[in-house]
């Protein structure tokens, strides 16, 4: 099977994705998985999706895919970046976005991939789509919140499985006992980051997890936080 390379929020930054895969030594037999927010705000949404198809990548649906799909079926775009992205996508791209699941399980690694987060203690089938694509933390009652001021949900999550996620660029790289957050704000001029797991390997403990983290700097700042 080779390695599994799980990449944080790309947001249409195809050049950085190619640089990250080169840095990770991505090769035939390796598997590429993405945590959602594949497009919007970055410079090359169509090229990014075409690259993912060519590499046989798998991905989950992020909040930006959710918004795009709603606009595609009649909702009014809420910003110029959504409109610009929609104008660049073709039927094959929409087909890909529509096919994205809300979560992916990688049992050989003991990993579940979601875009934003999970409510601790709640089976995945009972998680709300909104939480899976939008939550960032938990309030004092343990309910999901979408702002950055709550407790990071990963700090309270006890697993299994180990959850790999994105969405929270302001939180940066998150290393929890049973969760890893990979959104390091590439589209905002920071970095694009991946978790690279050897065949059959599970994410190592927090103190050792840096050994399986690879990242590259953004070429520029494409959007404001």
N, C-alpha and C. Protein backbone atom coordinates (compact mmCIF):
# COMPACT_ATOMS: atom_id res chain seq x y z
N UNK A 1 0.82 -1.21 0.00
CA UNK A 1 0.00 0.00 0.00
C UNK A 1 0.85 1.26 0.00
N UNK A 2 2.02 1.21 0.61
CA UNK A 2 2.84 2.42 0.71
C UNK A 2 2.37 3.29 1.87
N UNK A 3 2.85 4.53 1.89
CA UNK A 3 2.52 5.45 2.97
C UNK A 3 1.18 6.14 2.72
N UNK A 4 0.65 6.76 3.77
CA UNK A 4 -0.53 7.60 3.65
C UNK A 4 -0.14 9.02 4.03
N UNK A 5 -0.39 9.96 3.13
CA UNK A 5 -0.05 11.37 3.35
C UNK A 5 -1.37 12.13 3.50
N UNK A 6 -1.62 12.65 4.71
CA UNK A 6 -2.85 13.37 5.00
C UNK A 6 -2.52 14.86 5.06
N UNK A 7 -3.18 15.63 4.21
CA UNK A 7 -2.82 17.05 4.02
C UNK A 7 -3.91 17.97 4.59
N UNK A 8 -3.47 19.05 5.20
CA UNK A 8 -4.38 20.06 5.72
C UNK A 8 -5.05 20.88 4.64
N UNK A 9 -5.75 21.93 5.04
CA UNK A 9 -6.57 22.74 4.15
C UNK A 9 -5.74 23.37 3.03
N UNK A 10 -6.04 23.00 1.78
CA UNK A 10 -5.27 23.45 0.63
C UNK A 10 -5.82 24.76 0.06
N UNK A 11 -7.13 24.91 0.02
CA UNK A 11 -7.76 26.16 -0.45
C UNK A 11 -7.30 26.59 -1.84
N UNK A 12 -7.10 25.63 -2.73
CA UNK A 12 -6.74 26.00 -4.09
C UNK A 12 -5.29 26.39 -4.29
N UNK A 13 -4.43 26.12 -3.32
CA UNK A 13 -3.01 26.45 -3.44
C UNK A 13 -2.27 25.26 -4.06
N UNK A 14 -2.46 25.08 -5.34
CA UNK A 14 -1.90 23.91 -6.00
C UNK A 14 -0.37 23.89 -5.93
N UNK A 15 0.29 25.01 -6.14
CA UNK A 15 1.75 25.03 -6.15
C UNK A 15 2.30 24.57 -4.81
N UNK A 16 1.70 25.02 -3.73
CA UNK A 16 2.16 24.61 -2.40
C UNK A 16 1.89 23.12 -2.17
N UNK A 17 0.75 22.63 -2.68
CA UNK A 17 0.48 21.19 -2.55
C UNK A 17 1.53 20.38 -3.28
N UNK A 18 1.89 20.78 -4.48
CA UNK A 18 2.92 20.06 -5.23
C UNK A 18 4.26 20.12 -4.50
N UNK A 19 4.57 21.29 -3.91
CA UNK A 19 5.82 21.42 -3.16
C UNK A 19 5.81 20.54 -1.92
N UNK A 20 4.66 20.45 -1.26
CA UNK A 20 4.55 19.61 -0.06
C UNK A 20 4.73 18.14 -0.41
N UNK A 21 4.10 17.70 -1.49
CA UNK A 21 4.24 16.30 -1.89
C UNK A 21 5.68 15.99 -2.28
N UNK A 22 6.35 16.95 -2.91
CA UNK A 22 7.76 16.74 -3.24
C UNK A 22 8.60 16.66 -1.96
N UNK A 23 8.32 17.53 -1.00
CA UNK A 23 9.05 17.50 0.27
C UNK A 23 8.84 16.17 0.99
N UNK A 24 7.62 15.63 0.90
CA UNK A 24 7.32 14.37 1.56
C UNK A 24 7.82 13.17 0.77
N UNK A 25 8.32 13.39 -0.45
CA UNK A 25 8.76 12.28 -1.27
C UNK A 25 7.63 11.40 -1.75
N UNK A 26 6.48 12.04 -2.02
CA UNK A 26 5.30 11.28 -2.46
C UNK A 26 5.62 10.50 -3.73
N UNK A 27 5.30 9.20 -3.73
CA UNK A 27 5.70 8.32 -4.83
C UNK A 27 4.58 7.35 -5.16
N UNK A 28 4.76 6.65 -6.25
CA UNK A 28 3.81 5.62 -6.65
C UNK A 28 3.64 4.61 -5.52
N UNK A 29 2.40 4.29 -5.21
CA UNK A 29 2.12 3.40 -4.10
C UNK A 29 1.71 4.13 -2.83
N UNK A 30 2.06 5.42 -2.72
CA UNK A 30 1.60 6.22 -1.60
C UNK A 30 0.15 6.64 -1.83
N UNK A 31 -0.54 6.96 -0.75
CA UNK A 31 -1.94 7.36 -0.82
C UNK A 31 -2.08 8.78 -0.28
N UNK A 32 -2.86 9.59 -0.99
CA UNK A 32 -3.08 10.98 -0.61
C UNK A 32 -4.51 11.16 -0.09
N UNK A 33 -4.62 11.78 1.09
CA UNK A 33 -5.91 12.05 1.72
C UNK A 33 -5.91 13.50 2.16
N UNK A 34 -7.04 14.20 1.98
CA UNK A 34 -7.13 15.61 2.35
C UNK A 34 -8.29 15.85 3.30
N UNK A 35 -8.14 16.85 4.17
CA UNK A 35 -9.11 17.10 5.24
C UNK A 35 -10.21 18.08 4.84
N UNK A 36 -10.35 18.38 3.56
CA UNK A 36 -11.40 19.29 3.12
C UNK A 36 -10.91 20.72 2.96
N UNK A 37 -11.84 21.61 2.56
CA UNK A 37 -11.47 22.97 2.12
C UNK A 37 -10.38 22.87 1.05
N UNK A 38 -10.72 22.14 0.02
CA UNK A 38 -9.81 21.92 -1.10
C UNK A 38 -9.66 23.19 -1.93
N UNK A 39 -10.71 24.00 -1.98
CA UNK A 39 -10.75 25.17 -2.86
C UNK A 39 -11.34 26.37 -2.12
N UNK A 40 -11.36 27.50 -2.82
CA UNK A 40 -11.83 28.82 -2.39
C UNK A 40 -10.70 29.56 -1.67
N UNK A 41 -10.55 30.82 -2.05
CA UNK A 41 -9.58 31.78 -1.52
C UNK A 41 -8.21 31.66 -2.16
N UNK A 42 -7.80 30.47 -2.59
CA UNK A 42 -6.51 30.30 -3.22
C UNK A 42 -6.56 30.52 -4.72
N UNK A 43 -5.40 30.47 -5.40
CA UNK A 43 -5.31 30.91 -6.79
C UNK A 43 -5.73 29.91 -7.85
N UNK A 44 -5.77 28.60 -7.55
CA UNK A 44 -5.94 27.62 -8.63
C UNK A 44 -6.89 26.49 -8.21
N UNK A 45 -8.18 26.79 -8.04
CA UNK A 45 -9.10 25.73 -7.60
C UNK A 45 -9.24 24.60 -8.61
N UNK A 46 -9.40 24.93 -9.90
CA UNK A 46 -9.58 23.89 -10.91
C UNK A 46 -8.33 23.02 -11.02
N UNK A 47 -7.17 23.65 -11.03
CA UNK A 47 -5.92 22.90 -11.12
C UNK A 47 -5.69 22.01 -9.92
N UNK A 48 -6.09 22.49 -8.74
CA UNK A 48 -5.96 21.69 -7.53
C UNK A 48 -6.81 20.43 -7.62
N UNK A 49 -8.06 20.60 -8.02
CA UNK A 49 -8.95 19.43 -8.11
C UNK A 49 -8.48 18.46 -9.19
N UNK A 50 -8.00 18.98 -10.32
CA UNK A 50 -7.49 18.10 -11.37
C UNK A 50 -6.28 17.31 -10.88
N UNK A 51 -5.42 17.96 -10.10
CA UNK A 51 -4.27 17.26 -9.54
C UNK A 51 -4.70 16.14 -8.60
N UNK A 52 -5.70 16.41 -7.78
CA UNK A 52 -6.17 15.39 -6.85
C UNK A 52 -6.73 14.18 -7.59
N UNK A 53 -7.47 14.45 -8.66
CA UNK A 53 -8.01 13.34 -9.46
C UNK A 53 -6.87 12.53 -10.07
N UNK A 54 -5.89 13.24 -10.61
CA UNK A 54 -4.77 12.54 -11.27
C UNK A 54 -4.01 11.67 -10.28
N UNK A 55 -3.92 12.10 -9.03
CA UNK A 55 -3.18 11.34 -8.03
C UNK A 55 -4.04 10.30 -7.31
N UNK A 56 -5.33 10.24 -7.66
CA UNK A 56 -6.22 9.28 -7.01
C UNK A 56 -6.47 9.59 -5.55
N UNK A 57 -6.48 10.88 -5.21
CA UNK A 57 -6.63 11.29 -3.82
C UNK A 57 -8.05 11.06 -3.31
N UNK A 58 -8.15 10.94 -2.01
CA UNK A 58 -9.44 10.91 -1.32
C UNK A 58 -9.52 12.14 -0.41
N UNK A 59 -10.73 12.60 -0.16
CA UNK A 59 -10.90 13.80 0.66
C UNK A 59 -12.26 13.79 1.32
N UNK A 60 -12.39 14.57 2.38
CA UNK A 60 -13.69 14.79 3.01
C UNK A 60 -14.19 16.19 2.65
N UNK A 61 -15.45 16.42 2.93
CA UNK A 61 -16.09 17.69 2.59
C UNK A 61 -15.84 18.72 3.69
N UNK A 62 -15.38 19.89 3.27
CA UNK A 62 -15.17 20.98 4.21
C UNK A 62 -16.29 22.00 4.15
N UNK A 63 -16.22 23.00 5.02
CA UNK A 63 -17.27 24.03 5.04
C UNK A 63 -17.29 24.82 3.73
N UNK A 64 -16.15 24.99 3.08
CA UNK A 64 -16.15 25.73 1.81
C UNK A 64 -16.77 24.92 0.69
N UNK A 65 -16.59 23.61 0.70
CA UNK A 65 -17.30 22.78 -0.27
C UNK A 65 -18.80 22.83 -0.02
N UNK A 66 -19.20 22.81 1.25
CA UNK A 66 -20.62 22.91 1.58
C UNK A 66 -21.22 24.19 1.01
N UNK A 67 -20.54 25.30 1.20
CA UNK A 67 -21.06 26.59 0.72
C UNK A 67 -21.11 26.64 -0.79
N UNK A 68 -20.07 26.13 -1.43
CA UNK A 68 -20.05 26.13 -2.89
C UNK A 68 -21.20 25.31 -3.46
N UNK A 69 -21.43 24.15 -2.87
CA UNK A 69 -22.50 23.29 -3.38
C UNK A 69 -23.87 23.93 -3.18
N UNK A 70 -24.05 24.65 -2.08
CA UNK A 70 -25.32 25.35 -1.88
C UNK A 70 -25.48 26.46 -2.93
N UNK A 71 -24.42 27.16 -3.22
CA UNK A 71 -24.48 28.21 -4.25
C UNK A 71 -24.74 27.61 -5.63
N UNK A 72 -24.15 26.46 -5.87
CA UNK A 72 -24.31 25.81 -7.16
C UNK A 72 -25.76 25.39 -7.41
N UNK A 73 -26.50 25.17 -6.33
CA UNK A 73 -27.90 24.75 -6.47
C UNK A 73 -28.88 25.89 -6.19
N UNK A 74 -28.37 27.13 -6.14
CA UNK A 74 -29.31 28.24 -6.08
C UNK A 74 -29.04 29.32 -5.06
N UNK A 75 -28.27 29.03 -4.00
CA UNK A 75 -27.99 30.07 -3.02
C UNK A 75 -27.09 31.14 -3.62
N UNK A 76 -27.21 32.35 -3.13
CA UNK A 76 -26.38 33.45 -3.61
C UNK A 76 -25.00 33.38 -2.97
N UNK A 77 -23.92 33.51 -3.74
CA UNK A 77 -22.58 33.53 -3.15
C UNK A 77 -22.47 34.64 -2.12
N UNK A 78 -21.75 34.35 -1.03
CA UNK A 78 -21.61 35.33 0.05
C UNK A 78 -20.36 36.18 -0.07
N UNK A 79 -19.57 35.97 -1.10
CA UNK A 79 -18.36 36.77 -1.27
C UNK A 79 -17.79 36.60 -2.65
N UNK A 80 -16.88 37.51 -3.00
CA UNK A 80 -16.25 37.47 -4.32
C UNK A 80 -15.46 36.19 -4.54
N UNK A 81 -14.81 35.67 -3.49
CA UNK A 81 -13.98 34.48 -3.68
C UNK A 81 -14.83 33.27 -4.05
N UNK A 82 -16.02 33.16 -3.50
CA UNK A 82 -16.90 32.06 -3.89
C UNK A 82 -17.30 32.19 -5.35
N UNK A 83 -17.67 33.39 -5.75
CA UNK A 83 -18.09 33.60 -7.13
C UNK A 83 -16.94 33.32 -8.09
N UNK A 84 -15.76 33.77 -7.76
CA UNK A 84 -14.60 33.55 -8.62
C UNK A 84 -14.29 32.06 -8.74
N UNK A 85 -14.40 31.34 -7.63
CA UNK A 85 -14.15 29.90 -7.67
C UNK A 85 -15.18 29.20 -8.54
N UNK A 86 -16.44 29.54 -8.37
CA UNK A 86 -17.50 28.90 -9.15
C UNK A 86 -17.30 29.09 -10.64
N UNK A 87 -16.82 30.26 -11.03
CA UNK A 87 -16.62 30.54 -12.45
C UNK A 87 -15.49 29.72 -13.05
N UNK A 88 -14.58 29.21 -12.20
CA UNK A 88 -13.43 28.45 -12.70
C UNK A 88 -13.69 26.94 -12.73
N UNK A 89 -14.75 26.49 -12.07
CA UNK A 89 -15.01 25.06 -11.99
C UNK A 89 -15.85 24.57 -13.16
N UNK A 90 -15.61 23.34 -13.57
CA UNK A 90 -16.35 22.70 -14.64
C UNK A 90 -17.14 21.51 -14.08
N UNK A 91 -17.94 20.89 -14.93
CA UNK A 91 -18.81 19.82 -14.47
C UNK A 91 -18.04 18.74 -13.72
N UNK A 92 -16.87 18.38 -14.20
CA UNK A 92 -16.10 17.32 -13.54
C UNK A 92 -15.72 17.72 -12.12
N UNK A 93 -15.47 19.01 -11.92
CA UNK A 93 -15.12 19.48 -10.59
C UNK A 93 -16.33 19.43 -9.65
N UNK A 94 -17.49 19.82 -10.15
CA UNK A 94 -18.69 19.77 -9.33
C UNK A 94 -19.03 18.32 -8.97
N UNK A 95 -18.82 17.41 -9.91
CA UNK A 95 -19.08 16.00 -9.63
C UNK A 95 -18.18 15.51 -8.49
N UNK A 96 -16.94 15.95 -8.50
CA UNK A 96 -16.02 15.56 -7.44
C UNK A 96 -16.48 16.13 -6.10
N UNK A 97 -16.82 17.41 -6.05
CA UNK A 97 -17.23 18.03 -4.79
C UNK A 97 -18.49 17.37 -4.24
N UNK A 98 -19.42 17.04 -5.12
CA UNK A 98 -20.66 16.41 -4.67
C UNK A 98 -20.42 15.01 -4.10
N UNK A 99 -19.34 14.37 -4.51
CA UNK A 99 -19.07 13.00 -4.07
C UNK A 99 -18.35 12.93 -2.72
N UNK A 100 -17.91 14.05 -2.19
CA UNK A 100 -17.09 14.03 -0.98
C UNK A 100 -17.91 13.62 0.24
N UNK A 101 -17.43 12.67 1.03
CA UNK A 101 -18.13 12.27 2.25
C UNK A 101 -17.81 13.22 3.40
N UNK A 102 -18.55 13.09 4.49
CA UNK A 102 -18.30 13.91 5.67
C UNK A 102 -17.17 13.36 6.53
N UNK A 103 -16.87 12.09 6.41
CA UNK A 103 -15.73 11.53 7.12
C UNK A 103 -15.18 10.35 6.34
N UNK A 104 -13.93 10.04 6.61
CA UNK A 104 -13.26 8.89 6.02
C UNK A 104 -12.57 8.12 7.14
N UNK A 105 -12.71 6.81 7.13
CA UNK A 105 -11.98 5.97 8.08
C UNK A 105 -10.82 5.29 7.39
N UNK A 106 -9.68 5.32 8.05
CA UNK A 106 -8.46 4.65 7.59
C UNK A 106 -8.09 3.63 8.66
N UNK A 107 -8.77 2.49 8.69
CA UNK A 107 -8.61 1.55 9.80
C UNK A 107 -7.20 1.00 9.95
N UNK A 108 -6.47 0.92 8.85
CA UNK A 108 -5.11 0.39 8.95
C UNK A 108 -4.20 1.32 9.76
N UNK A 109 -4.61 2.59 9.90
CA UNK A 109 -3.85 3.55 10.70
C UNK A 109 -4.55 3.92 12.01
N UNK A 110 -5.74 3.35 12.24
CA UNK A 110 -6.50 3.76 13.41
C UNK A 110 -6.92 5.20 13.36
N UNK A 111 -7.19 5.72 12.15
CA UNK A 111 -7.44 7.15 11.93
C UNK A 111 -8.82 7.37 11.31
N UNK A 112 -9.45 8.43 11.75
CA UNK A 112 -10.66 8.95 11.09
C UNK A 112 -10.36 10.38 10.65
N UNK A 113 -10.72 10.72 9.42
CA UNK A 113 -10.49 12.06 8.89
C UNK A 113 -11.82 12.80 8.80
N UNK A 114 -11.87 13.98 9.40
CA UNK A 114 -13.02 14.88 9.26
C UNK A 114 -12.47 16.27 8.95
N UNK A 115 -13.37 17.17 8.54
CA UNK A 115 -12.86 18.51 8.25
C UNK A 115 -12.62 19.33 9.51
N UNK A 116 -13.64 19.44 10.36
CA UNK A 116 -13.55 20.40 11.46
C UNK A 116 -13.40 19.75 12.83
N UNK A 117 -14.22 18.75 13.13
CA UNK A 117 -14.12 18.16 14.45
C UNK A 117 -15.24 17.18 14.73
N UNK A 118 -15.19 16.61 15.92
CA UNK A 118 -16.23 15.71 16.40
C UNK A 118 -16.56 16.07 17.84
N UNK A 119 -17.79 15.82 18.22
CA UNK A 119 -18.19 16.00 19.62
C UNK A 119 -17.77 14.75 20.39
N UNK A 120 -16.91 14.88 21.39
CA UNK A 120 -16.42 13.71 22.12
C UNK A 120 -17.55 12.89 22.70
N UNK A 121 -17.43 11.56 22.58
CA UNK A 121 -18.39 10.64 23.17
C UNK A 121 -19.60 10.36 22.32
N UNK A 122 -19.72 11.02 21.17
CA UNK A 122 -20.89 10.83 20.31
C UNK A 122 -20.48 9.98 19.11
N UNK A 123 -21.19 8.88 18.84
CA UNK A 123 -20.84 8.06 17.67
C UNK A 123 -20.84 8.88 16.39
N UNK A 124 -20.00 8.52 15.46
CA UNK A 124 -19.84 9.30 14.24
C UNK A 124 -21.16 9.40 13.48
N UNK A 125 -21.97 8.37 13.51
CA UNK A 125 -23.24 8.40 12.78
C UNK A 125 -24.22 9.41 13.38
N UNK A 126 -24.00 9.82 14.62
CA UNK A 126 -24.89 10.78 15.27
C UNK A 126 -24.31 12.19 15.30
N UNK A 127 -23.11 12.37 14.77
CA UNK A 127 -22.53 13.70 14.67
C UNK A 127 -23.30 14.51 13.64
N UNK A 128 -23.55 15.77 13.94
CA UNK A 128 -24.27 16.59 12.97
C UNK A 128 -23.33 17.00 11.84
N UNK A 129 -23.82 17.06 10.60
CA UNK A 129 -22.99 17.54 9.50
C UNK A 129 -22.40 18.93 9.78
N UNK A 130 -23.16 19.77 10.45
CA UNK A 130 -22.66 21.11 10.76
C UNK A 130 -21.43 21.04 11.67
N UNK A 131 -21.49 20.19 12.69
CA UNK A 131 -20.33 20.06 13.57
C UNK A 131 -19.13 19.51 12.82
N UNK A 132 -19.34 18.50 12.01
CA UNK A 132 -18.23 17.88 11.28
C UNK A 132 -17.54 18.85 10.35
N UNK A 133 -18.26 19.85 9.86
CA UNK A 133 -17.68 20.78 8.88
C UNK A 133 -17.39 22.17 9.43
N UNK A 134 -17.87 22.49 10.64
CA UNK A 134 -17.74 23.88 11.10
C UNK A 134 -17.19 24.05 12.53
N UNK A 135 -17.26 23.06 13.39
CA UNK A 135 -16.91 23.29 14.79
C UNK A 135 -15.41 23.53 14.97
N UNK A 136 -15.10 24.31 15.99
CA UNK A 136 -13.69 24.53 16.36
C UNK A 136 -13.41 24.13 17.81
N UNK A 137 -14.43 24.22 18.64
CA UNK A 137 -14.20 23.91 20.04
C UNK A 137 -15.47 23.47 20.73
N UNK A 138 -15.39 23.47 22.08
CA UNK A 138 -16.51 23.06 22.92
C UNK A 138 -16.75 24.13 23.97
N UNK A 139 -18.03 24.36 24.29
CA UNK A 139 -18.33 25.27 25.39
C UNK A 139 -18.24 24.51 26.70
N UNK A 140 -18.57 25.19 27.79
CA UNK A 140 -18.43 24.57 29.12
C UNK A 140 -19.33 23.36 29.28
N UNK A 141 -20.43 23.32 28.50
CA UNK A 141 -21.35 22.18 28.58
C UNK A 141 -20.97 21.06 27.63
N UNK A 142 -19.88 21.23 26.89
CA UNK A 142 -19.45 20.21 25.95
C UNK A 142 -20.12 20.25 24.61
N UNK A 143 -20.83 21.36 24.33
CA UNK A 143 -21.50 21.49 23.04
C UNK A 143 -20.57 22.17 22.04
N UNK A 144 -20.70 21.80 20.75
CA UNK A 144 -19.78 22.36 19.75
C UNK A 144 -19.99 23.86 19.54
N UNK A 145 -18.88 24.57 19.37
CA UNK A 145 -18.91 25.99 19.05
C UNK A 145 -18.04 26.21 17.81
N UNK A 146 -18.38 27.23 17.06
CA UNK A 146 -17.69 27.47 15.79
C UNK A 146 -16.65 28.58 15.89
N UNK A 147 -16.66 29.35 16.98
CA UNK A 147 -15.66 30.39 17.15
C UNK A 147 -14.39 29.80 17.75
N UNK A 148 -13.37 30.62 17.90
CA UNK A 148 -12.07 30.11 18.35
C UNK A 148 -11.86 30.27 19.85
N UNK A 149 -12.88 30.71 20.57
CA UNK A 149 -12.68 31.04 21.98
C UNK A 149 -13.04 29.89 22.92
N UNK A 150 -13.65 28.84 22.42
CA UNK A 150 -13.96 27.69 23.26
C UNK A 150 -12.72 26.82 23.47
N UNK A 151 -12.89 25.78 24.30
CA UNK A 151 -11.82 24.81 24.48
C UNK A 151 -11.66 23.99 23.20
N UNK A 152 -10.45 23.85 22.67
CA UNK A 152 -10.28 23.00 21.47
C UNK A 152 -10.88 21.62 21.74
N UNK A 153 -11.72 21.17 20.81
CA UNK A 153 -12.41 19.89 21.06
C UNK A 153 -11.41 18.74 21.19
N UNK A 154 -10.30 18.83 20.47
CA UNK A 154 -9.32 17.76 20.52
C UNK A 154 -8.70 17.56 21.89
N UNK A 155 -8.72 18.61 22.72
CA UNK A 155 -8.17 18.50 24.06
C UNK A 155 -9.04 17.63 24.95
N UNK A 156 -10.32 17.48 24.61
CA UNK A 156 -11.25 16.68 25.42
C UNK A 156 -11.56 15.33 24.77
N UNK A 157 -11.12 15.14 23.56
CA UNK A 157 -11.44 13.91 22.83
C UNK A 157 -10.51 12.80 23.29
N UNK A 158 -11.08 11.63 23.55
CA UNK A 158 -10.30 10.52 24.12
C UNK A 158 -10.12 9.34 23.18
N UNK A 159 -10.75 9.36 21.98
CA UNK A 159 -10.57 8.28 21.05
C UNK A 159 -11.07 6.94 21.59
N UNK A 160 -10.81 5.85 20.86
CA UNK A 160 -10.37 5.84 19.47
C UNK A 160 -11.54 6.14 18.53
N UNK A 161 -11.29 6.36 17.26
CA UNK A 161 -9.99 6.39 16.60
C UNK A 161 -9.30 7.72 16.79
N UNK A 162 -8.08 7.81 16.30
CA UNK A 162 -7.37 9.08 16.24
C UNK A 162 -8.01 9.90 15.12
N UNK A 163 -8.38 11.15 15.41
CA UNK A 163 -9.03 12.00 14.42
C UNK A 163 -8.04 13.01 13.86
N UNK A 164 -7.95 13.06 12.53
CA UNK A 164 -7.13 14.05 11.84
C UNK A 164 -8.09 15.04 11.18
N UNK A 165 -7.84 16.33 11.37
CA UNK A 165 -8.79 17.35 10.94
C UNK A 165 -8.07 18.61 10.48
N UNK A 166 -8.85 19.59 10.04
CA UNK A 166 -8.32 20.88 9.62
C UNK A 166 -9.17 22.01 10.18
N UNK A 167 -9.48 22.99 9.33
CA UNK A 167 -10.47 24.04 9.58
C UNK A 167 -10.02 25.18 10.49
N UNK A 168 -9.24 24.91 11.50
CA UNK A 168 -8.94 25.92 12.52
C UNK A 168 -7.56 26.53 12.27
N UNK A 169 -7.48 27.41 11.27
CA UNK A 169 -6.19 27.98 10.91
C UNK A 169 -5.60 28.81 12.03
N UNK A 170 -6.45 29.53 12.77
CA UNK A 170 -5.95 30.36 13.86
C UNK A 170 -5.34 29.51 14.97
N UNK A 171 -5.83 28.28 15.12
CA UNK A 171 -5.25 27.39 16.11
C UNK A 171 -3.92 26.80 15.68
N UNK A 172 -3.64 26.86 14.38
CA UNK A 172 -2.39 26.31 13.87
C UNK A 172 -2.31 24.81 14.04
N UNK A 173 -1.11 24.28 13.95
CA UNK A 173 -0.90 22.85 14.13
C UNK A 173 -1.34 22.45 15.53
N UNK A 174 -2.24 21.47 15.62
CA UNK A 174 -2.74 21.01 16.92
C UNK A 174 -2.31 19.56 17.13
N UNK A 175 -1.60 19.35 18.23
CA UNK A 175 -1.13 18.01 18.58
C UNK A 175 -1.79 17.62 19.90
N UNK A 176 -2.80 16.78 19.83
CA UNK A 176 -3.47 16.26 21.01
C UNK A 176 -3.17 14.76 21.14
N UNK A 177 -3.52 14.20 22.26
CA UNK A 177 -3.25 12.78 22.48
C UNK A 177 -3.91 11.91 21.42
N UNK A 178 -5.16 12.24 21.07
CA UNK A 178 -5.93 11.39 20.15
C UNK A 178 -6.44 12.17 18.93
N UNK A 179 -5.85 13.30 18.63
CA UNK A 179 -6.28 14.10 17.48
C UNK A 179 -5.14 14.96 16.98
N UNK A 180 -5.13 15.21 15.67
CA UNK A 180 -4.10 16.05 15.06
C UNK A 180 -4.78 17.03 14.11
N UNK A 181 -4.57 18.32 14.33
CA UNK A 181 -5.12 19.37 13.47
C UNK A 181 -4.06 19.89 12.52
N UNK A 182 -4.36 19.87 11.22
CA UNK A 182 -3.36 20.16 10.19
C UNK A 182 -3.55 21.48 9.45
N UNK A 183 -4.51 22.31 9.85
CA UNK A 183 -4.70 23.58 9.15
C UNK A 183 -3.70 24.60 9.69
N UNK A 184 -2.66 24.86 8.93
CA UNK A 184 -1.63 25.82 9.33
C UNK A 184 -1.64 27.06 8.45
N UNK A 185 -2.81 27.36 7.85
CA UNK A 185 -3.03 28.66 7.23
C UNK A 185 -2.26 28.94 5.97
N UNK A 186 -2.12 27.96 5.09
CA UNK A 186 -1.37 28.19 3.85
C UNK A 186 -1.94 29.37 3.06
N UNK A 187 -3.26 29.39 2.88
CA UNK A 187 -3.86 30.43 2.05
C UNK A 187 -3.70 31.81 2.67
N UNK A 188 -3.40 31.87 3.97
CA UNK A 188 -3.17 33.14 4.66
C UNK A 188 -1.69 33.50 4.74
N UNK A 189 -0.89 32.80 3.96
CA UNK A 189 0.53 33.15 3.88
C UNK A 189 1.41 32.42 4.86
N UNK A 190 0.90 31.37 5.50
CA UNK A 190 1.73 30.66 6.48
C UNK A 190 2.29 29.36 5.89
N UNK A 191 1.74 28.20 6.22
CA UNK A 191 2.32 26.94 5.77
C UNK A 191 1.24 25.95 5.38
N UNK A 192 1.63 24.97 4.56
CA UNK A 192 0.78 23.82 4.25
C UNK A 192 1.44 22.61 4.88
N UNK A 193 0.65 21.78 5.56
CA UNK A 193 1.19 20.75 6.44
C UNK A 193 0.54 19.40 6.17
N UNK A 194 1.33 18.35 6.34
CA UNK A 194 0.85 16.98 6.16
C UNK A 194 1.31 16.09 7.31
N UNK A 195 0.50 15.08 7.58
CA UNK A 195 0.86 13.98 8.48
C UNK A 195 1.18 12.79 7.59
N UNK A 196 2.38 12.23 7.72
CA UNK A 196 2.84 11.16 6.85
C UNK A 196 3.00 9.88 7.67
N UNK A 197 2.16 8.89 7.36
CA UNK A 197 2.14 7.65 8.11
C UNK A 197 2.68 6.50 7.27
N UNK A 198 3.61 5.76 7.82
CA UNK A 198 4.13 4.57 7.14
C UNK A 198 3.03 3.52 7.05
N UNK A 199 3.21 2.57 6.15
CA UNK A 199 2.22 1.53 5.95
C UNK A 199 1.87 0.85 7.27
N UNK A 200 0.57 0.87 7.61
CA UNK A 200 0.10 0.21 8.81
C UNK A 200 0.39 0.93 10.11
N UNK A 201 1.04 2.10 10.06
CA UNK A 201 1.42 2.80 11.29
C UNK A 201 0.30 3.69 11.80
N UNK A 202 0.20 3.81 13.11
CA UNK A 202 -0.72 4.75 13.74
C UNK A 202 0.03 6.03 14.10
N UNK A 203 -0.68 7.14 14.29
CA UNK A 203 -0.01 8.37 14.71
C UNK A 203 0.73 8.15 16.03
N UNK A 204 1.96 8.58 16.13
CA UNK A 204 2.72 8.37 17.36
C UNK A 204 2.24 9.30 18.48
N UNK A 205 2.70 9.09 19.71
CA UNK A 205 2.32 9.97 20.82
C UNK A 205 2.71 11.42 20.54
N UNK A 206 2.09 12.37 21.25
CA UNK A 206 2.36 13.78 20.98
C UNK A 206 3.83 14.16 20.97
N UNK A 207 4.60 13.63 21.89
CA UNK A 207 6.01 14.01 21.96
C UNK A 207 6.81 13.57 20.74
N UNK A 208 6.28 12.57 20.01
CA UNK A 208 6.99 12.04 18.85
C UNK A 208 6.31 12.39 17.53
N UNK A 209 5.17 13.08 17.59
CA UNK A 209 4.39 13.28 16.37
C UNK A 209 5.08 14.21 15.38
N UNK A 210 5.92 15.09 15.87
CA UNK A 210 6.64 15.97 14.96
C UNK A 210 7.48 15.22 13.95
N UNK A 211 7.85 13.98 14.27
CA UNK A 211 8.68 13.19 13.35
C UNK A 211 7.91 12.76 12.11
N UNK A 212 6.58 12.83 12.13
CA UNK A 212 5.77 12.44 10.97
C UNK A 212 5.00 13.63 10.40
N UNK A 213 5.39 14.83 10.78
CA UNK A 213 4.80 16.06 10.25
C UNK A 213 5.75 16.68 9.23
N UNK A 214 5.21 17.03 8.06
CA UNK A 214 5.98 17.69 7.01
C UNK A 214 5.23 18.95 6.60
N UNK A 215 5.95 20.04 6.36
CA UNK A 215 5.26 21.26 5.93
C UNK A 215 6.15 22.07 5.00
N UNK A 216 5.51 22.96 4.24
CA UNK A 216 6.22 23.88 3.35
C UNK A 216 5.61 25.27 3.54
N UNK A 217 6.38 26.33 3.29
CA UNK A 217 5.82 27.68 3.42
C UNK A 217 4.93 28.03 2.23
N UNK A 218 3.97 28.91 2.46
CA UNK A 218 3.16 29.45 1.38
C UNK A 218 4.02 30.35 0.49
N UNK A 219 3.70 30.39 -0.78
CA UNK A 219 4.43 31.27 -1.69
C UNK A 219 4.10 32.73 -1.46
N UNK A 220 2.87 32.99 -1.03
CA UNK A 220 2.43 34.35 -0.74
C UNK A 220 1.18 34.28 0.11
N UNK A 221 0.71 35.43 0.51
CA UNK A 221 -0.56 35.52 1.23
C UNK A 221 -1.65 35.77 0.21
N UNK A 222 -2.57 34.81 0.08
CA UNK A 222 -3.62 34.91 -0.93
C UNK A 222 -4.91 35.52 -0.38
N UNK A 223 -5.09 35.47 0.94
CA UNK A 223 -6.33 35.96 1.55
C UNK A 223 -6.03 36.43 2.96
N UNK A 224 -6.93 37.26 3.47
CA UNK A 224 -6.81 37.72 4.87
C UNK A 224 -7.53 36.74 5.79
N UNK A 225 -7.02 36.61 7.01
CA UNK A 225 -7.64 35.75 8.02
C UNK A 225 -9.07 36.22 8.29
